């Protein structure tokens, strides 16, 4: 009688020892966007002469990336108090420096907005996913 219990214990012990104790899985992080901020989710481009354009793509999770713009590396974005805040990153020596800049925006319609950069009275006009833009 002792041998069958010993054999059963030896067979079960390795199975229970392999189960990791990770605990409950945390819920995914959700970003709550205001109605105004939801407007900006998606790809936005500024059409230039010749049909080429550059801009940025803004995700609902707060991430941002450049479109046809090798001079800027966008990482994050947020919208507050009528301003679109874009965080850019740049290599400075061996480190990465991030800068958040707020730009005043005026919504033109469902597919366009004006963005006033700091120190300029002339706005840049961005269009949502413009078919006129030739991706490079």
N, C-alpha and C. Protein backbone atom coordinates (compact mmCIF):
# COMPACT_ATOMS: atom_id res chain seq x y z
N UNK A 1 0.82 -1.18 0.00
CA UNK A 1 0.00 0.00 0.00
C UNK A 1 0.86 1.25 0.00
N UNK A 2 2.01 1.21 0.61
CA UNK A 2 2.89 2.36 0.68
C UNK A 2 3.46 2.70 -0.69
N UNK A 3 3.82 1.72 -1.52
CA UNK A 3 4.42 1.95 -2.83
C UNK A 3 3.46 2.67 -3.77
N UNK A 4 2.15 2.30 -3.89
CA UNK A 4 1.27 3.05 -4.79
C UNK A 4 1.13 4.51 -4.39
N UNK A 5 1.08 4.81 -3.10
CA UNK A 5 0.99 6.22 -2.67
C UNK A 5 2.26 6.98 -2.98
N UNK A 6 3.40 6.33 -2.81
CA UNK A 6 4.68 6.96 -3.12
C UNK A 6 4.79 7.24 -4.61
N UNK A 7 4.39 6.31 -5.44
CA UNK A 7 4.44 6.48 -6.89
C UNK A 7 3.51 7.61 -7.32
N UNK A 8 2.30 7.66 -6.75
CA UNK A 8 1.34 8.71 -7.07
C UNK A 8 1.88 10.08 -6.64
N UNK A 9 2.52 10.15 -5.50
CA UNK A 9 3.08 11.41 -5.01
C UNK A 9 4.22 11.88 -5.91
N UNK A 10 5.05 10.95 -6.38
CA UNK A 10 6.16 11.31 -7.25
C UNK A 10 5.68 11.78 -8.62
N UNK A 11 4.57 11.22 -9.10
CA UNK A 11 4.04 11.64 -10.39
C UNK A 11 3.37 13.02 -10.32
N UNK A 12 2.73 13.34 -9.22
CA UNK A 12 2.01 14.60 -9.08
C UNK A 12 2.96 15.74 -8.70
N UNK A 13 4.00 15.47 -7.95
CA UNK A 13 4.91 16.51 -7.46
C UNK A 13 5.54 17.32 -8.59
N UNK A 14 6.05 16.70 -9.67
CA UNK A 14 6.64 17.50 -10.74
C UNK A 14 5.62 18.39 -11.44
N UNK A 15 4.38 17.94 -11.54
CA UNK A 15 3.36 18.75 -12.20
C UNK A 15 3.03 20.00 -11.41
N UNK A 16 2.95 19.89 -10.12
CA UNK A 16 2.61 21.06 -9.30
C UNK A 16 3.82 21.98 -9.16
N UNK A 17 5.02 21.46 -9.26
CA UNK A 17 6.21 22.29 -9.13
C UNK A 17 6.42 23.17 -10.35
N UNK A 18 5.84 22.81 -11.52
CA UNK A 18 6.04 23.57 -12.74
C UNK A 18 5.04 24.70 -12.92
N UNK A 19 4.06 24.81 -12.08
CA UNK A 19 3.05 25.85 -12.22
C UNK A 19 3.59 27.14 -11.61
N UNK A 20 3.81 28.18 -12.41
CA UNK A 20 4.33 29.42 -11.85
C UNK A 20 3.24 30.16 -11.05
N UNK A 21 3.66 30.85 -10.03
CA UNK A 21 2.74 31.62 -9.20
C UNK A 21 2.78 33.07 -9.68
N UNK A 22 1.99 33.37 -10.73
CA UNK A 22 2.01 34.71 -11.31
C UNK A 22 0.93 35.61 -10.75
N UNK A 23 -0.06 35.03 -10.12
CA UNK A 23 -1.16 35.84 -9.59
C UNK A 23 -2.11 36.23 -10.70
N UNK A 24 -3.10 37.03 -10.38
CA UNK A 24 -4.08 37.42 -11.40
C UNK A 24 -3.47 38.35 -12.44
N UNK A 25 -3.96 38.24 -13.65
CA UNK A 25 -3.48 39.09 -14.74
C UNK A 25 -4.08 40.48 -14.58
N UNK A 26 -3.22 41.52 -14.58
CA UNK A 26 -3.77 42.88 -14.42
C UNK A 26 -4.59 43.27 -15.64
N UNK A 27 -5.61 44.09 -15.44
CA UNK A 27 -6.42 44.53 -16.58
C UNK A 27 -5.60 45.43 -17.49
N UNK A 28 -5.92 45.49 -18.80
CA UNK A 28 -5.18 46.37 -19.71
C UNK A 28 -5.40 47.83 -19.34
N UNK A 29 -4.37 48.63 -19.59
CA UNK A 29 -4.47 50.06 -19.30
C UNK A 29 -5.36 50.71 -20.34
N UNK A 30 -6.35 51.44 -19.89
CA UNK A 30 -7.26 52.11 -20.80
C UNK A 30 -7.05 53.62 -20.69
N UNK A 31 -6.97 54.25 -21.84
CA UNK A 31 -6.84 55.70 -21.88
C UNK A 31 -8.21 56.27 -22.16
N UNK A 32 -8.67 57.14 -21.28
CA UNK A 32 -9.97 57.77 -21.49
C UNK A 32 -9.74 59.08 -22.21
N UNK A 33 -10.26 59.17 -23.43
CA UNK A 33 -10.11 60.37 -24.23
C UNK A 33 -11.38 61.20 -24.16
N UNK A 34 -11.22 62.49 -24.09
CA UNK A 34 -12.37 63.37 -24.17
C UNK A 34 -12.89 63.37 -25.59
N UNK A 35 -14.09 63.89 -25.77
CA UNK A 35 -14.68 63.96 -27.11
C UNK A 35 -13.78 64.75 -28.05
N UNK A 36 -13.21 65.85 -27.55
CA UNK A 36 -12.32 66.67 -28.37
C UNK A 36 -11.05 65.92 -28.73
N UNK A 37 -10.49 65.17 -27.78
CA UNK A 37 -9.25 64.44 -28.04
C UNK A 37 -9.47 63.31 -29.05
N UNK A 38 -10.65 62.67 -29.03
CA UNK A 38 -10.94 61.59 -29.98
C UNK A 38 -10.86 62.08 -31.42
N UNK A 39 -11.14 63.35 -31.64
CA UNK A 39 -11.07 63.93 -32.98
C UNK A 39 -9.67 63.73 -33.58
N UNK A 40 -8.64 63.79 -32.76
CA UNK A 40 -7.26 63.79 -33.26
C UNK A 40 -6.68 62.39 -33.48
N UNK A 41 -7.39 61.34 -33.10
CA UNK A 41 -6.87 59.99 -33.29
C UNK A 41 -6.84 59.66 -34.78
N UNK A 42 -5.68 59.26 -35.27
CA UNK A 42 -5.53 58.88 -36.67
C UNK A 42 -4.36 59.59 -37.33
N UNK A 43 -4.19 59.38 -38.64
CA UNK A 43 -3.07 60.00 -39.37
C UNK A 43 -3.44 61.40 -39.85
N UNK A 44 -2.56 62.36 -39.61
CA UNK A 44 -2.75 63.76 -40.03
C UNK A 44 -1.54 64.19 -40.83
N UNK A 45 -1.79 64.77 -42.00
CA UNK A 45 -0.68 65.21 -42.86
C UNK A 45 -0.89 66.63 -43.33
N UNK A 46 0.21 67.29 -43.57
CA UNK A 46 0.22 68.63 -44.16
C UNK A 46 0.66 68.43 -45.60
N UNK A 47 -0.23 68.71 -46.55
CA UNK A 47 0.09 68.51 -47.96
C UNK A 47 0.98 69.65 -48.43
N UNK A 48 2.07 69.27 -49.07
CA UNK A 48 3.04 70.25 -49.57
C UNK A 48 2.96 70.30 -51.10
N UNK A 49 3.67 71.23 -51.71
CA UNK A 49 3.70 71.31 -53.16
C UNK A 49 4.18 70.00 -53.75
N UNK A 50 3.59 69.61 -54.85
CA UNK A 50 3.95 68.35 -55.49
C UNK A 50 3.19 67.16 -54.93
N UNK A 51 2.31 67.39 -53.96
CA UNK A 51 1.50 66.31 -53.41
C UNK A 51 2.15 65.54 -52.28
N UNK A 52 3.42 65.77 -52.01
CA UNK A 52 4.06 65.10 -50.89
C UNK A 52 3.63 65.77 -49.61
N UNK A 53 3.62 65.01 -48.54
CA UNK A 53 3.23 65.59 -47.28
C UNK A 53 3.90 64.90 -46.11
N UNK A 54 3.83 65.55 -44.98
CA UNK A 54 4.37 64.97 -43.76
C UNK A 54 3.44 65.33 -42.62
N UNK A 55 3.60 64.63 -41.54
CA UNK A 55 2.75 64.89 -40.39
C UNK A 55 2.98 63.88 -39.30
N UNK A 56 1.88 63.41 -38.70
CA UNK A 56 1.99 62.49 -37.58
C UNK A 56 0.73 61.64 -37.49
N UNK A 57 0.88 60.49 -36.84
CA UNK A 57 -0.25 59.62 -36.58
C UNK A 57 -0.40 59.51 -35.08
N UNK A 58 -1.60 59.78 -34.59
CA UNK A 58 -1.88 59.78 -33.16
C UNK A 58 -2.78 58.60 -32.82
N UNK A 59 -2.35 57.78 -31.86
CA UNK A 59 -3.11 56.59 -31.46
C UNK A 59 -3.95 56.89 -30.22
N UNK A 60 -5.01 56.09 -30.05
CA UNK A 60 -5.91 56.27 -28.91
C UNK A 60 -5.22 56.00 -27.58
N UNK A 61 -4.12 55.25 -27.59
CA UNK A 61 -3.40 54.96 -26.35
C UNK A 61 -2.39 56.04 -25.97
N UNK A 62 -2.35 57.14 -26.74
CA UNK A 62 -1.44 58.24 -26.42
C UNK A 62 -0.12 58.20 -27.15
N UNK A 63 0.11 57.18 -27.97
CA UNK A 63 1.35 57.08 -28.73
C UNK A 63 1.24 57.93 -29.99
N UNK A 64 2.39 58.39 -30.47
CA UNK A 64 2.44 59.20 -31.69
C UNK A 64 3.65 58.78 -32.51
N UNK A 65 3.52 58.89 -33.84
CA UNK A 65 4.67 58.61 -34.70
C UNK A 65 4.62 59.54 -35.90
N UNK A 66 5.78 59.80 -36.45
CA UNK A 66 5.91 60.72 -37.60
C UNK A 66 5.51 60.02 -38.89
N UNK A 67 4.99 60.81 -39.82
CA UNK A 67 4.68 60.34 -41.17
C UNK A 67 5.53 61.17 -42.12
N UNK A 68 6.41 60.52 -42.88
CA UNK A 68 7.28 61.19 -43.86
C UNK A 68 8.03 62.39 -43.27
N UNK A 69 8.50 62.27 -42.05
CA UNK A 69 9.17 63.38 -41.39
C UNK A 69 10.38 62.86 -40.60
N UNK A 70 11.52 62.68 -41.30
CA UNK A 70 12.69 62.13 -40.62
C UNK A 70 13.31 63.07 -39.58
N UNK A 71 12.94 64.35 -39.60
CA UNK A 71 13.51 65.30 -38.65
C UNK A 71 12.86 65.22 -37.27
N UNK A 72 11.65 64.65 -37.19
CA UNK A 72 10.96 64.56 -35.91
C UNK A 72 10.66 63.12 -35.55
N UNK A 73 10.88 62.79 -34.30
CA UNK A 73 10.50 61.49 -33.76
C UNK A 73 9.45 61.77 -32.69
N UNK A 74 8.19 61.54 -33.04
CA UNK A 74 7.11 61.76 -32.09
C UNK A 74 6.93 60.51 -31.25
N UNK A 75 6.69 60.69 -29.95
CA UNK A 75 6.52 59.55 -29.06
C UNK A 75 5.14 59.53 -28.40
N UNK A 76 4.64 60.68 -27.96
CA UNK A 76 3.38 60.76 -27.22
C UNK A 76 2.61 62.00 -27.62
N UNK A 77 1.31 62.01 -27.26
CA UNK A 77 0.48 63.18 -27.50
C UNK A 77 -0.64 63.24 -26.47
N UNK A 78 -1.20 64.42 -26.32
CA UNK A 78 -2.39 64.63 -25.49
C UNK A 78 -3.04 65.92 -25.94
N UNK A 79 -4.32 66.09 -25.63
CA UNK A 79 -5.05 67.29 -25.97
C UNK A 79 -5.66 67.85 -24.70
N UNK A 80 -5.39 69.11 -24.41
CA UNK A 80 -5.93 69.75 -23.21
C UNK A 80 -5.97 71.26 -23.42
N UNK A 81 -7.01 71.89 -22.92
CA UNK A 81 -7.15 73.35 -22.94
C UNK A 81 -6.99 73.95 -24.34
N UNK A 82 -7.52 73.27 -25.36
CA UNK A 82 -7.46 73.79 -26.72
C UNK A 82 -6.10 73.67 -27.37
N UNK A 83 -5.21 72.89 -26.75
CA UNK A 83 -3.86 72.72 -27.31
C UNK A 83 -3.56 71.25 -27.53
N UNK A 84 -2.89 70.98 -28.64
CA UNK A 84 -2.40 69.65 -28.95
C UNK A 84 -0.95 69.59 -28.50
N UNK A 85 -0.67 68.72 -27.53
CA UNK A 85 0.68 68.58 -27.01
C UNK A 85 1.34 67.37 -27.66
N UNK A 86 2.45 67.61 -28.33
CA UNK A 86 3.22 66.54 -28.97
C UNK A 86 4.57 66.41 -28.28
N UNK A 87 4.94 65.19 -27.95
CA UNK A 87 6.24 64.93 -27.35
C UNK A 87 7.17 64.41 -28.43
N UNK A 88 8.30 65.06 -28.58
CA UNK A 88 9.30 64.63 -29.54
C UNK A 88 10.54 64.14 -28.81
N UNK A 89 11.28 63.28 -29.47
CA UNK A 89 12.52 62.75 -28.90
C UNK A 89 13.66 63.05 -29.86
N UNK A 90 14.82 63.31 -29.30
CA UNK A 90 16.00 63.52 -30.14
C UNK A 90 17.22 62.97 -29.41
N UNK A 91 18.17 62.49 -30.20
CA UNK A 91 19.41 61.96 -29.64
C UNK A 91 20.34 63.12 -29.31
N UNK A 92 20.78 63.16 -28.07
CA UNK A 92 21.73 64.18 -27.63
C UNK A 92 22.91 63.43 -27.03
N UNK A 93 23.97 63.30 -27.83
CA UNK A 93 25.11 62.49 -27.38
C UNK A 93 24.67 61.04 -27.26
N UNK A 94 24.85 60.47 -26.07
CA UNK A 94 24.46 59.08 -25.82
C UNK A 94 23.09 58.98 -25.15
N UNK A 95 22.38 60.08 -25.01
CA UNK A 95 21.10 60.09 -24.31
C UNK A 95 19.97 60.49 -25.26
N UNK A 96 18.75 60.21 -24.86
CA UNK A 96 17.57 60.63 -25.60
C UNK A 96 16.89 61.73 -24.80
N UNK A 97 16.67 62.87 -25.44
CA UNK A 97 16.02 64.01 -24.79
C UNK A 97 14.59 64.11 -25.33
N UNK A 98 13.62 64.21 -24.44
CA UNK A 98 12.23 64.37 -24.89
C UNK A 98 11.75 65.77 -24.54
N UNK A 99 10.93 66.32 -25.42
CA UNK A 99 10.39 67.66 -25.25
C UNK A 99 8.92 67.64 -25.59
N UNK A 100 8.09 68.20 -24.71
CA UNK A 100 6.66 68.30 -24.99
C UNK A 100 6.35 69.75 -25.34
N UNK A 101 5.70 69.94 -26.49
CA UNK A 101 5.36 71.27 -26.95
C UNK A 101 3.86 71.34 -27.20
N UNK A 102 3.23 72.40 -26.69
CA UNK A 102 1.80 72.60 -26.89
C UNK A 102 1.55 73.53 -28.06
N UNK A 103 0.64 73.15 -28.93
CA UNK A 103 0.31 73.95 -30.11
C UNK A 103 -1.18 74.28 -30.06
N UNK A 104 -1.51 75.54 -30.22
CA UNK A 104 -2.92 75.93 -30.27
C UNK A 104 -3.51 75.42 -31.57
N UNK A 105 -4.71 74.85 -31.50
CA UNK A 105 -5.34 74.31 -32.69
C UNK A 105 -6.74 74.90 -32.88
N UNK A 106 -7.14 74.99 -34.14
CA UNK A 106 -8.49 75.39 -34.51
C UNK A 106 -9.02 74.33 -35.46
N UNK A 107 -10.12 73.69 -35.09
CA UNK A 107 -10.71 72.67 -35.94
C UNK A 107 -11.48 73.36 -37.06
N UNK A 108 -11.18 72.99 -38.29
CA UNK A 108 -11.85 73.56 -39.47
C UNK A 108 -13.12 72.78 -39.77
N UNK A 109 -13.00 71.47 -39.90
CA UNK A 109 -14.15 70.59 -40.15
C UNK A 109 -13.77 69.19 -39.68
N UNK A 110 -14.51 68.18 -40.13
CA UNK A 110 -14.27 66.81 -39.68
C UNK A 110 -12.92 66.26 -40.12
N UNK A 111 -12.32 66.85 -41.15
CA UNK A 111 -11.10 66.28 -41.71
C UNK A 111 -9.91 67.23 -41.74
N UNK A 112 -10.02 68.39 -41.11
CA UNK A 112 -8.90 69.36 -41.16
C UNK A 112 -8.84 70.19 -39.88
N UNK A 113 -7.63 70.59 -39.56
CA UNK A 113 -7.44 71.55 -38.47
C UNK A 113 -6.21 72.39 -38.73
N UNK A 114 -6.21 73.58 -38.12
CA UNK A 114 -5.05 74.47 -38.18
C UNK A 114 -4.27 74.30 -36.88
N UNK A 115 -2.95 74.28 -37.00
CA UNK A 115 -2.10 74.20 -35.82
C UNK A 115 -1.12 75.35 -35.85
N UNK A 116 -1.15 76.15 -34.80
CA UNK A 116 -0.25 77.30 -34.69
C UNK A 116 0.97 76.88 -33.88
N UNK A 117 2.13 76.93 -34.51
CA UNK A 117 3.36 76.58 -33.81
C UNK A 117 3.82 77.79 -33.00
N UNK A 118 4.59 77.52 -32.00
CA UNK A 118 5.06 78.57 -31.10
C UNK A 118 5.86 79.62 -31.87
N UNK A 119 5.49 80.88 -31.68
CA UNK A 119 6.20 81.98 -32.31
C UNK A 119 5.77 82.29 -33.73
N UNK A 120 4.70 81.66 -34.21
CA UNK A 120 4.25 81.91 -35.57
C UNK A 120 2.77 82.25 -35.59
N UNK A 121 2.42 83.25 -36.40
CA UNK A 121 1.02 83.60 -36.58
C UNK A 121 0.39 82.87 -37.75
N UNK A 122 1.20 82.18 -38.54
CA UNK A 122 0.71 81.45 -39.70
C UNK A 122 0.52 79.99 -39.31
N UNK A 123 -0.69 79.51 -39.43
CA UNK A 123 -0.94 78.12 -39.03
C UNK A 123 -0.51 77.11 -40.10
N UNK A 124 -0.25 75.91 -39.66
CA UNK A 124 -0.05 74.79 -40.56
C UNK A 124 -1.38 74.06 -40.61
N UNK A 125 -1.83 73.71 -41.80
CA UNK A 125 -3.11 73.03 -41.95
C UNK A 125 -2.86 71.54 -42.15
N UNK A 126 -3.48 70.72 -41.31
CA UNK A 126 -3.35 69.27 -41.38
C UNK A 126 -4.68 68.66 -41.81
N UNK A 127 -4.57 67.62 -42.64
CA UNK A 127 -5.74 66.93 -43.17
C UNK A 127 -5.71 65.48 -42.70
N UNK A 128 -6.87 64.95 -42.42
CA UNK A 128 -6.97 63.57 -41.96
C UNK A 128 -6.80 62.61 -43.14
N UNK A 129 -5.77 61.75 -43.08
CA UNK A 129 -5.57 60.66 -44.03
C UNK A 129 -5.81 61.08 -45.47
N UNK A 130 -5.21 62.17 -45.86
CA UNK A 130 -5.44 62.72 -47.18
C UNK A 130 -5.01 61.77 -48.29
N UNK A 131 -5.88 61.53 -49.24
CA UNK A 131 -5.55 60.68 -50.40
C UNK A 131 -4.59 61.37 -51.33
N UNK A 132 -4.42 62.69 -51.18
CA UNK A 132 -3.53 63.45 -52.04
C UNK A 132 -2.06 63.24 -51.69
N UNK A 133 -1.79 62.67 -50.53
CA UNK A 133 -0.41 62.54 -50.07
C UNK A 133 0.22 61.29 -50.67
N UNK A 134 1.38 61.47 -51.24
CA UNK A 134 2.15 60.35 -51.78
C UNK A 134 3.16 59.92 -50.71
N UNK A 135 2.96 58.76 -50.13
CA UNK A 135 3.86 58.29 -49.08
C UNK A 135 5.23 58.01 -49.69
N UNK A 136 6.29 58.40 -49.01
CA UNK A 136 7.64 58.22 -49.51
C UNK A 136 8.23 56.93 -48.97
